[in-house]
Amino acid sequence: MLASSSSGNSTFIRTERTRILVDAGLSKRDILARLAAIDEQAENLDAILVTHEHSDHVSGLVSLARHLNVPVYITRLTAPAIPWGEFTPKLDCFQAGTTFSVGDIDVDSFTVPHDAIDPVGFCFRAAGIKVGVVTDLGYVPDSIKFHLRGADLLVLESNHDLEMLKVGPYPWSVKQRVMGRKGHLSNEVVSDFIRCDLDTSISTLVLGHLSEHNNHPEIVRAMAARALDGARRSLFTRLVVANPKEQTEVFSY
């Protein structure tokens, strides 16, 4: 994960043959630098995938797509919401809920409950490995639980601590939006998901998209660790909390 927070999100996925960027919520310069930090060249990217149009996921998309001239996979409804300007991107539009392939990676898309035009999450499958990337959702419906079955690594948002949000600096209308069913997942909801619905196949759980004002990595870590203990999964599932200000380690399977 090159970045994962309420101010910028971007995830890099690769096999031996294919390289994908999921979202471009950092500047082009920062994305290029963070790829270089893991010995990856942006010019080798095969595609950019977009989850939704909010700025923390697409702020660097237009400049990066123009620089690389690679296909941008985006839903038919989300594509018109991006300020492309005079640039004509290589768009590969898909319907939310469909499966498509990029190189040797099969991509499952699915709708997530969030206050965007047509937001989606993704699962990536290659060489017998499955990775789920699900952020920006107000709750976890059964349809998403179904899609995440059999995942080896799961990236899930743990956006806010309810008490911190309630006493935090946001206006009440924004607090209501964040807590709503089309907002973001709280630490408490994520803990319930871990205890009741985390698939036994998941060997690495990465919690990200932390609010910089209404959460803290150590709070997330403590609550999720207790949930894993309660589910008797702490010995079988590695827990990683993405720091909002830096990229994560590289996860290899």
Protein backbone atom coordinates (compact mmCIF):
# COMPACT_ATOMS: atom_id res chain seq x y z
CA MET A 1 0.00 0.00 0.00
CA LEU A 2 1.71 3.18 -1.20
CA ALA A 3 -0.69 5.30 0.86
CA SER A 4 -3.78 4.63 2.93
CA SER A 5 -5.53 7.39 4.86
CA SER A 6 -8.34 9.89 4.69
CA SER A 7 -6.02 12.21 2.73
CA GLY A 8 -4.62 9.86 0.08
CA ASN A 9 -4.90 6.25 -1.11
CA SER A 10 -3.02 4.11 -3.60
CA THR A 11 -2.21 0.40 -3.69
CA PHE A 12 0.26 -1.46 -5.91
CA ILE A 13 -0.27 -5.11 -6.92
CA ARG A 14 2.00 -7.19 -9.12
CA THR A 15 2.72 -10.65 -10.40
CA GLU A 16 5.76 -11.63 -12.44
CA ARG A 17 3.95 -10.43 -15.57
CA THR A 18 1.45 -7.75 -14.54
CA ARG A 19 1.55 -4.53 -12.52
CA ILE A 20 -1.58 -2.71 -11.35
CA LEU A 21 -2.16 0.50 -9.43
CA VAL A 22 -5.42 0.75 -7.50
CA ASP A 23 -6.38 4.43 -7.09
CA ALA A 24 -4.09 7.44 -7.42
CA GLY A 25 -4.90 9.62 -4.44
CA LEU A 26 -1.40 11.09 -4.17
CA SER A 27 0.36 13.49 -6.50
CA LYS A 28 2.05 12.01 -9.55
CA ARG A 29 5.41 12.90 -8.00
CA ASP A 30 4.66 11.09 -4.75
CA ILE A 31 3.34 7.99 -6.50
CA LEU A 32 6.44 7.78 -8.70
CA ALA A 33 8.68 8.21 -5.65
CA ARG A 34 6.89 5.57 -3.59
CA LEU A 35 7.00 3.09 -6.45
CA ALA A 36 10.72 3.76 -6.87
CA ALA A 37 11.20 3.12 -3.14
CA ILE A 38 10.15 -0.51 -3.73
CA ASP A 39 12.21 -0.76 -6.93
CA GLU A 40 9.23 -0.44 -9.25
CA GLN A 41 9.07 1.86 -12.25
CA ALA A 42 5.74 3.51 -13.02
CA GLU A 43 6.43 3.08 -16.74
CA ASN A 44 5.96 -0.67 -16.22
CA LEU A 45 2.39 -0.31 -14.98
CA ASP A 46 -0.18 -2.16 -17.08
CA ALA A 47 -3.27 -0.40 -15.73
CA ILE A 48 -4.72 1.96 -13.15
CA LEU A 49 -7.95 0.85 -11.45
CA VAL A 50 -10.29 3.35 -9.79
CA THR A 51 -12.62 2.57 -6.88
CA HIS A 52 -14.53 5.88 -6.90
CA GLU A 53 -14.22 9.58 -7.66
CA HIS A 54 -13.43 11.09 -4.23
CA SER A 55 -10.28 13.22 -4.26
CA ASP A 56 -8.35 11.08 -1.77
CA HIS A 57 -8.48 8.32 -4.39
CA VAL A 58 -8.07 10.23 -7.67
CA SER A 59 -6.23 13.49 -6.99
CA GLY A 60 -3.21 12.34 -9.01
CA LEU A 61 -5.09 10.21 -11.53
CA VAL A 62 -5.28 12.59 -14.49
CA SER A 63 -1.65 13.68 -14.38
CA LEU A 64 -0.44 10.11 -13.85
CA ALA A 65 -2.61 8.67 -16.61
CA ARG A 66 -1.44 11.42 -18.96
CA HIS A 67 2.20 10.76 -18.05
CA LEU A 68 2.00 6.97 -18.47
CA ASN A 69 -0.72 6.68 -21.14
CA VAL A 70 -1.92 3.37 -19.64
CA PRO A 71 -5.51 2.04 -19.54
CA VAL A 72 -7.70 3.30 -16.73
CA TYR A 73 -10.29 0.76 -15.53
CA ILE A 74 -13.27 2.61 -14.10
CA THR A 75 -17.01 2.05 -13.87
CA ARG A 76 -19.21 3.52 -16.57
CA LEU A 77 -20.92 5.82 -14.07
CA THR A 78 -17.75 7.02 -12.35
CA ALA A 79 -15.80 7.89 -15.51
CA PRO A 80 -17.74 11.12 -16.28
CA ALA A 81 -17.13 12.37 -12.72
CA ILE A 82 -13.34 12.61 -13.24
CA PRO A 83 -12.10 16.07 -14.39
CA TRP A 84 -10.17 14.83 -17.42
CA GLY A 85 -9.97 18.30 -19.00
CA GLU A 86 -8.56 18.21 -22.52
CA PHE A 87 -6.82 14.89 -21.87
CA THR A 88 -8.40 11.85 -23.55
CA PRO A 89 -7.57 8.84 -21.39
CA LYS A 90 -7.50 5.20 -22.44
CA LEU A 91 -10.66 4.23 -20.58
CA ASP A 92 -11.73 0.64 -20.07
CA CYS A 93 -15.18 1.06 -18.55
CA PHE A 94 -16.81 -1.82 -16.72
CA GLN A 95 -20.09 -2.45 -14.95
CA ALA A 96 -19.83 -2.75 -11.18
CA GLY A 97 -20.13 -6.42 -10.26
CA THR A 98 -18.34 -7.78 -13.31
CA THR A 99 -15.08 -9.73 -13.55
CA PHE A 100 -12.35 -8.76 -15.99
CA SER A 101 -8.68 -9.55 -16.52
CA VAL A 102 -5.57 -7.39 -16.59
CA GLY A 103 -2.68 -9.49 -17.82
CA ASP A 104 -2.60 -12.63 -15.71
CA ILE A 105 -4.67 -11.10 -12.89
CA ASP A 106 -8.40 -11.77 -12.70
CA VAL A 107 -10.25 -8.85 -11.11
CA ASP A 108 -13.61 -9.21 -9.38
CA SER A 109 -15.43 -5.90 -8.86
CA PHE A 110 -18.32 -5.41 -6.45
CA THR A 111 -20.45 -2.55 -5.22
CA VAL A 112 -19.71 -1.06 -1.80
CA PRO A 113 -22.06 1.13 0.28
CA HIS A 114 -20.47 4.59 0.14
CA ASP A 115 -21.63 8.08 -0.75
CA ALA A 116 -20.01 8.17 -4.16
CA ILE A 117 -21.56 7.78 -7.62
CA ASP A 118 -20.71 4.11 -8.21
CA PRO A 119 -18.09 2.94 -5.67
CA VAL A 120 -16.53 -0.50 -5.94
CA GLY A 121 -14.16 -2.81 -4.13
CA PHE A 122 -11.89 -5.34 -5.80
CA CYS A 123 -10.58 -8.86 -5.36
CA PHE A 124 -7.52 -9.90 -7.33
CA ARG A 125 -6.77 -13.51 -8.22
CA ALA A 126 -3.58 -14.92 -9.72
CA ALA A 127 -1.52 -18.09 -9.32
CA GLY A 128 -3.87 -19.44 -6.67
CA ILE A 129 -3.61 -16.31 -4.49
CA LYS A 130 -6.52 -13.99 -3.73
CA VAL A 131 -6.22 -10.42 -2.43
CA GLY A 132 -9.18 -8.28 -1.37
CA VAL A 133 -9.08 -4.47 -1.26
CA VAL A 134 -12.14 -2.94 0.40
CA THR A 135 -12.18 0.61 1.75
CA ASP A 136 -14.73 3.43 1.92
CA LEU A 137 -17.87 1.64 3.04
CA GLY A 138 -20.40 2.35 5.76
CA TYR A 139 -21.06 -1.29 6.68
CA VAL A 140 -20.19 -4.78 5.45
CA PRO A 141 -23.17 -6.37 3.69
CA ASP A 142 -23.44 -10.10 3.06
CA SER A 143 -22.59 -9.56 -0.62
CA ILE A 144 -19.14 -8.24 0.30
CA LYS A 145 -18.56 -11.04 2.82
CA PHE A 146 -19.31 -13.45 -0.02
CA HIS A 147 -16.77 -11.80 -2.33
CA LEU A 148 -14.07 -11.90 0.35
CA ARG A 149 -14.35 -15.64 0.93
CA GLY A 150 -11.13 -17.47 0.21
CA ALA A 151 -8.93 -14.36 0.34
CA ASP A 152 -5.34 -14.83 1.48
CA LEU A 153 -4.72 -11.14 2.18
CA LEU A 154 -7.39 -8.57 2.97
CA VAL A 155 -7.05 -4.80 2.98
CA LEU A 156 -9.97 -3.36 4.95
CA GLU A 157 -10.62 0.11 6.21
CA SER A 158 -10.77 0.89 9.92
CA ASN A 159 -11.50 4.56 9.52
CA HIS A 160 -12.50 6.07 12.83
CA ASP A 161 -12.87 5.63 16.54
CA LEU A 162 -16.44 6.51 17.46
CA GLU A 163 -15.56 8.48 20.59
CA MET A 164 -12.80 10.42 18.86
CA LEU A 165 -15.15 11.22 16.00
CA LYS A 166 -17.91 12.43 18.32
CA VAL A 167 -15.62 14.89 20.14
CA GLY A 168 -13.45 15.69 17.12
CA PRO A 169 -13.26 18.83 14.96
CA TYR A 170 -15.69 17.84 12.19
CA PRO A 171 -19.05 19.61 11.85
CA TRP A 172 -21.98 17.50 13.02
CA SER A 173 -23.22 17.01 9.47
CA VAL A 174 -19.87 15.49 8.48
CA LYS A 175 -19.85 13.29 11.58
CA GLN A 176 -23.28 11.98 10.62
CA ARG A 177 -22.03 11.26 7.11
CA VAL A 178 -18.98 9.36 8.35
CA MET A 179 -21.06 7.29 10.80
CA GLY A 180 -23.82 6.59 8.26
CA ARG A 181 -24.44 3.44 6.26
CA LYS A 182 -22.77 5.07 3.24
CA GLY A 183 -19.89 6.50 5.23
CA HIS A 184 -16.88 4.71 6.71
CA LEU A 185 -16.22 1.71 8.93
CA SER A 186 -15.51 2.37 12.60
CA ASN A 187 -12.98 0.40 14.65
CA GLU A 188 -15.92 -1.14 16.50
CA VAL A 189 -17.61 -2.42 13.33
CA VAL A 190 -14.31 -3.83 12.07
CA SER A 191 -13.80 -5.64 15.38
CA ASP A 192 -17.25 -7.22 15.05
CA PHE A 193 -16.41 -8.28 11.50
CA ILE A 194 -13.16 -9.89 12.68
CA ARG A 195 -14.89 -11.79 15.47
CA CYS A 196 -17.85 -12.99 13.41
CA ASP A 197 -17.04 -12.95 9.70
CA LEU A 198 -13.30 -12.97 9.00
CA ASP A 199 -12.69 -15.89 6.66
CA THR A 200 -10.34 -18.54 7.99
CA SER A 201 -8.34 -18.35 4.76
CA ILE A 202 -7.03 -14.85 5.52
CA SER A 203 -3.43 -15.07 6.69
CA THR A 204 -2.73 -11.32 6.58
CA LEU A 205 -5.20 -8.60 7.56
CA VAL A 206 -4.18 -5.04 6.69
CA LEU A 207 -6.28 -2.30 8.27
CA GLY A 208 -6.05 1.07 6.56
CA HIS A 209 -7.75 4.27 5.48
CA LEU A 210 -7.40 5.60 9.05
CA SER A 211 -8.75 9.07 9.69
CA GLU A 212 -5.91 11.38 10.66
CA HIS A 213 -8.22 13.38 12.96
CA ASN A 214 -10.49 10.69 14.38
CA ASN A 215 -8.32 7.62 14.85
CA HIS A 216 -4.86 6.42 15.85
CA PRO A 217 -2.92 3.36 14.65
CA GLU A 218 -2.40 2.06 18.18
CA ILE A 219 -6.13 2.21 18.95
CA VAL A 220 -6.84 0.28 15.76
CA ARG A 221 -4.14 -2.26 16.55
CA ALA A 222 -5.34 -2.85 20.12
CA MET A 223 -9.00 -3.29 19.20
CA ALA A 224 -8.32 -5.53 16.22
CA ALA A 225 -5.86 -7.65 18.22
CA ARG A 226 -8.48 -8.20 20.92
CA ALA A 227 -10.99 -9.20 18.25
CA LEU A 228 -8.53 -11.68 16.73
CA ASP A 229 -7.89 -13.14 20.19
CA GLY A 230 -11.63 -13.42 20.77
CA ALA A 231 -12.02 -15.25 17.47
CA ARG A 232 -9.01 -17.46 18.31
CA ARG A 233 -7.31 -16.24 15.17
CA SER A 234 -4.30 -14.35 16.53
CA LEU A 235 -1.95 -17.28 15.84
CA PHE A 236 -3.18 -17.73 12.27
CA THR A 237 -3.81 -14.20 10.97
CA ARG A 238 -1.10 -11.56 10.93
CA LEU A 239 -2.38 -8.07 11.73
CA VAL A 240 -0.88 -5.01 10.04
CA VAL A 241 -2.06 -1.44 10.57
CA ALA A 242 -1.19 0.97 7.75
CA ASN A 243 0.34 4.18 9.06
CA PRO A 244 -1.44 7.16 7.47
CA LYS A 245 1.85 8.96 6.75
CA GLU A 246 3.92 6.24 5.10
CA GLN A 247 3.68 3.24 2.81
CA THR A 248 3.47 -0.29 4.17
CA GLU A 249 5.94 -3.08 3.78
CA VAL A 250 5.75 -5.24 0.66
CA PHE A 251 3.55 -8.31 1.15
CA SER A 252 4.73 -11.33 -0.80
CA TYR A 253 2.92 -14.61 -1.52
